[in-house]
Amino acid sequence: MAMITFWEVLERCGKGQRMQESDYDALLYKSVSKLIEKYDIKFDPEQIVPDDDSLADRAYEAAVELFEQVGFYCLDTKRVVRFIRSEIEERVALAPDTYTWGEGKDRGVTCNRKVEDLRDPSFVASGLGVPVPQDMFVKVCQAIAGVPLADAFCGVSLQDTFRGIPIRA
């Protein structure tokens, strides 16, 4: 099977199953509830960061199964975008170990951390997915970029148009 591309994902945004957002939310809730039970996933408030390898494995399997079952919801097209397990596993396997952001004094590296990894997690300040009008875009991005504890920042999404061109999925 050929590797799924960015363009294929965009195409699926326009061709996936039509669904109202509230129906997708209900499907997501129902699916998560079943998987929590199936994989015996429990939160222990006494151990905020669990160190149970078995729990980590079960949570991962539940996450893959959830994504295979419900995919993601494209708000712009009101469609569900789904992937088969082999597509999900392929993308996870191809995920880079590190990702470099910026350059010079602004350079940062985000690392793919493993269970029980001793490295600190990266903090990426982001408004990604937050729709912002074009006239506010630069100011909002500057505010996010100014978060002093962030290792990197990711901008926001334009709300309606860019240079007069309507934005869609």
Protein backbone atom coordinates (compact mmCIF):
# COMPACT_ATOMS: atom_id res chain seq x y z
CA MET A 1 0.00 0.00 0.00
CA ALA A 2 1.28 3.46 -0.89
CA MET A 3 1.96 5.88 1.94
CA ILE A 4 -0.95 8.21 2.59
CA THR A 5 -0.10 11.78 1.63
CA PHE A 6 -1.17 15.16 2.91
CA TRP A 7 -3.18 15.60 -0.30
CA GLU A 8 -5.00 12.30 0.28
CA VAL A 9 -6.01 13.51 3.74
CA LEU A 10 -7.33 16.76 2.24
CA GLU A 11 -9.29 14.75 -0.32
CA ARG A 12 -10.82 12.63 2.44
CA CYS A 13 -11.92 15.85 4.16
CA GLY A 14 -14.20 16.41 1.18
CA LYS A 15 -15.30 12.82 0.64
CA GLY A 16 -15.68 11.33 4.13
CA GLN A 17 -18.98 10.39 5.75
CA ARG A 18 -21.22 13.42 6.31
CA MET A 19 -22.16 13.89 9.94
CA GLN A 20 -23.34 16.64 12.24
CA GLU A 21 -20.78 17.71 14.82
CA SER A 22 -23.06 16.75 17.71
CA ASP A 23 -23.47 13.24 16.25
CA TYR A 24 -19.70 12.90 15.91
CA ASP A 25 -19.22 14.07 19.51
CA ALA A 26 -21.71 11.42 20.67
CA LEU A 27 -19.91 8.74 18.62
CA LEU A 28 -16.57 9.81 20.07
CA TYR A 29 -17.90 9.72 23.65
CA LYS A 30 -19.49 6.30 23.17
CA SER A 31 -16.34 4.87 21.56
CA VAL A 32 -14.01 6.26 24.24
CA SER A 33 -16.27 4.90 26.99
CA LYS A 34 -16.22 1.40 25.49
CA LEU A 35 -12.44 1.44 24.99
CA ILE A 36 -11.78 2.63 28.56
CA GLU A 37 -13.71 -0.41 29.74
CA LYS A 38 -12.19 -2.82 27.18
CA TYR A 39 -8.60 -1.82 27.97
CA ASP A 40 -9.13 -1.30 31.72
CA ILE A 41 -7.85 2.27 31.69
CA LYS A 42 -8.23 3.97 35.05
CA PHE A 43 -6.99 7.28 36.43
CA ASP A 44 -5.30 7.19 39.82
CA PRO A 45 -5.33 10.71 41.32
CA GLU A 46 -2.52 9.64 43.67
CA GLN A 47 -0.25 8.95 40.70
CA ILE A 48 -0.66 11.80 38.23
CA VAL A 49 2.16 10.51 36.01
CA PRO A 50 1.70 6.73 35.90
CA ASP A 51 4.72 4.45 35.52
CA ASP A 52 2.80 1.28 34.65
CA ASP A 53 4.18 -0.09 31.36
CA SER A 54 1.12 -2.28 30.89
CA LEU A 55 -1.16 0.76 31.22
CA ALA A 56 0.94 2.62 28.64
CA ASP A 57 0.63 -0.30 26.21
CA ARG A 58 -3.13 -0.56 26.76
CA ALA A 59 -3.61 3.20 26.37
CA TYR A 60 -1.67 3.12 23.09
CA GLU A 61 -3.75 0.22 21.74
CA ALA A 62 -6.94 1.99 22.79
CA ALA A 63 -5.81 5.19 21.05
CA VAL A 64 -5.04 3.41 17.78
CA GLU A 65 -8.35 1.55 17.92
CA LEU A 66 -10.21 4.79 18.69
CA PHE A 67 -8.63 6.63 15.78
CA GLU A 68 -9.41 3.71 13.48
CA GLN A 69 -13.04 3.67 14.64
CA VAL A 70 -13.85 7.38 14.64
CA GLY A 71 -11.05 9.14 12.73
CA PHE A 72 -11.31 12.89 13.06
CA TYR A 73 -14.05 15.38 12.31
CA CYS A 74 -13.47 18.10 9.71
CA LEU A 75 -15.45 21.11 10.90
CA ASP A 76 -15.30 22.88 7.53
CA THR A 77 -16.80 20.04 5.49
CA LYS A 78 -18.83 18.35 8.25
CA ARG A 79 -17.25 15.03 7.31
CA VAL A 80 -15.54 12.25 9.20
CA VAL A 81 -12.05 11.40 7.98
CA ARG A 82 -11.08 7.80 8.73
CA PHE A 83 -7.94 5.73 8.36
CA ILE A 84 -7.34 2.00 8.40
CA ARG A 85 -5.04 0.52 11.03
CA SER A 86 -2.16 -0.04 8.60
CA GLU A 87 -2.23 3.66 7.62
CA ILE A 88 -2.16 4.70 11.28
CA GLU A 89 0.67 2.32 12.17
CA GLU A 90 2.66 3.36 9.10
CA ARG A 91 2.51 7.04 10.04
CA VAL A 92 3.44 6.30 13.67
CA ALA A 93 6.42 4.22 12.49
CA LEU A 94 7.55 7.04 10.19
CA ALA A 95 7.28 9.75 12.85
CA PRO A 96 10.67 11.47 13.22
CA ASP A 97 12.61 11.09 16.48
CA THR A 98 13.26 14.82 16.56
CA TYR A 99 11.91 17.93 14.93
CA THR A 100 13.88 21.16 14.74
CA TRP A 101 12.08 24.49 15.06
CA GLY A 102 13.61 27.83 14.12
CA GLU A 103 17.28 28.67 13.74
CA GLY A 104 20.11 30.40 15.56
CA LYS A 105 19.23 31.53 19.08
CA ASP A 106 15.58 30.71 18.35
CA ARG A 107 16.34 27.11 17.42
CA GLY A 108 14.54 24.43 19.41
CA VAL A 109 14.28 20.67 19.16
CA THR A 110 11.20 18.63 19.98
CA CYS A 111 12.06 15.03 20.86
CA ASN A 112 9.90 11.97 20.48
CA ARG A 113 9.85 10.80 24.10
CA LYS A 114 9.38 7.17 25.07
CA VAL A 115 7.80 5.68 28.17
CA GLU A 116 10.00 6.46 31.21
CA ASP A 117 12.11 8.87 29.14
CA LEU A 118 14.19 11.08 31.43
CA ARG A 119 14.35 14.03 29.03
CA ASP A 120 12.08 16.99 29.73
CA PRO A 121 9.10 17.30 27.40
CA SER A 122 9.12 20.11 24.86
CA PHE A 123 6.67 22.95 25.31
CA VAL A 124 5.27 24.32 22.08
CA ALA A 125 3.05 27.37 22.62
CA SER A 126 0.33 27.16 20.04
CA GLY A 127 -2.98 28.48 18.90
CA LEU A 128 -3.09 25.95 16.06
CA GLY A 129 -6.63 25.36 14.97
CA VAL A 130 -7.88 28.56 16.60
CA PRO A 131 -9.55 30.60 13.86
CA VAL A 132 -8.36 34.22 13.86
CA PRO A 133 -9.38 37.05 11.50
CA GLN A 134 -6.63 38.14 9.10
CA ASP A 135 -6.30 41.60 10.69
CA MET A 136 -5.45 39.98 14.07
CA PHE A 137 -3.22 37.20 12.71
CA VAL A 138 0.20 38.84 13.22
CA LYS A 139 -0.64 40.23 16.69
CA VAL A 140 -1.92 36.85 17.93
CA CYS A 141 1.13 35.03 16.52
CA GLN A 142 3.45 37.58 18.17
CA ALA A 143 1.70 37.08 21.51
CA ILE A 144 2.06 33.31 21.28
CA ALA A 145 5.71 33.62 20.20
CA GLY A 146 6.37 35.77 23.26
CA VAL A 147 5.58 33.04 25.80
CA PRO A 148 8.92 32.90 27.65
CA LEU A 149 8.81 29.25 28.76
CA ALA A 150 8.04 27.91 25.29
CA ASP A 151 10.65 25.96 23.37
CA ALA A 152 8.84 26.81 20.13
CA PHE A 153 5.57 28.25 18.90
CA CYS A 154 3.07 27.38 16.25
CA GLY A 155 0.77 29.99 14.78
CA VAL A 156 -2.99 30.09 14.49
CA SER A 157 -5.41 29.46 11.64
CA LEU A 158 -6.89 32.21 9.51
CA GLN A 159 -10.62 32.47 10.09
CA ASP A 160 -12.34 33.18 6.78
CA THR A 161 -10.15 34.51 4.01
CA PHE A 162 -6.54 35.14 3.07
CA ARG A 163 -6.02 38.02 0.65
CA GLY A 164 -9.67 37.75 -0.29
CA ILE A 165 -9.57 34.01 -1.01
CA PRO A 166 -12.00 31.94 1.09
CA ILE A 167 -10.29 29.39 3.31
CA ARG A 168 -11.63 25.86 3.42
CA ALA A 169 -10.43 22.51 4.74
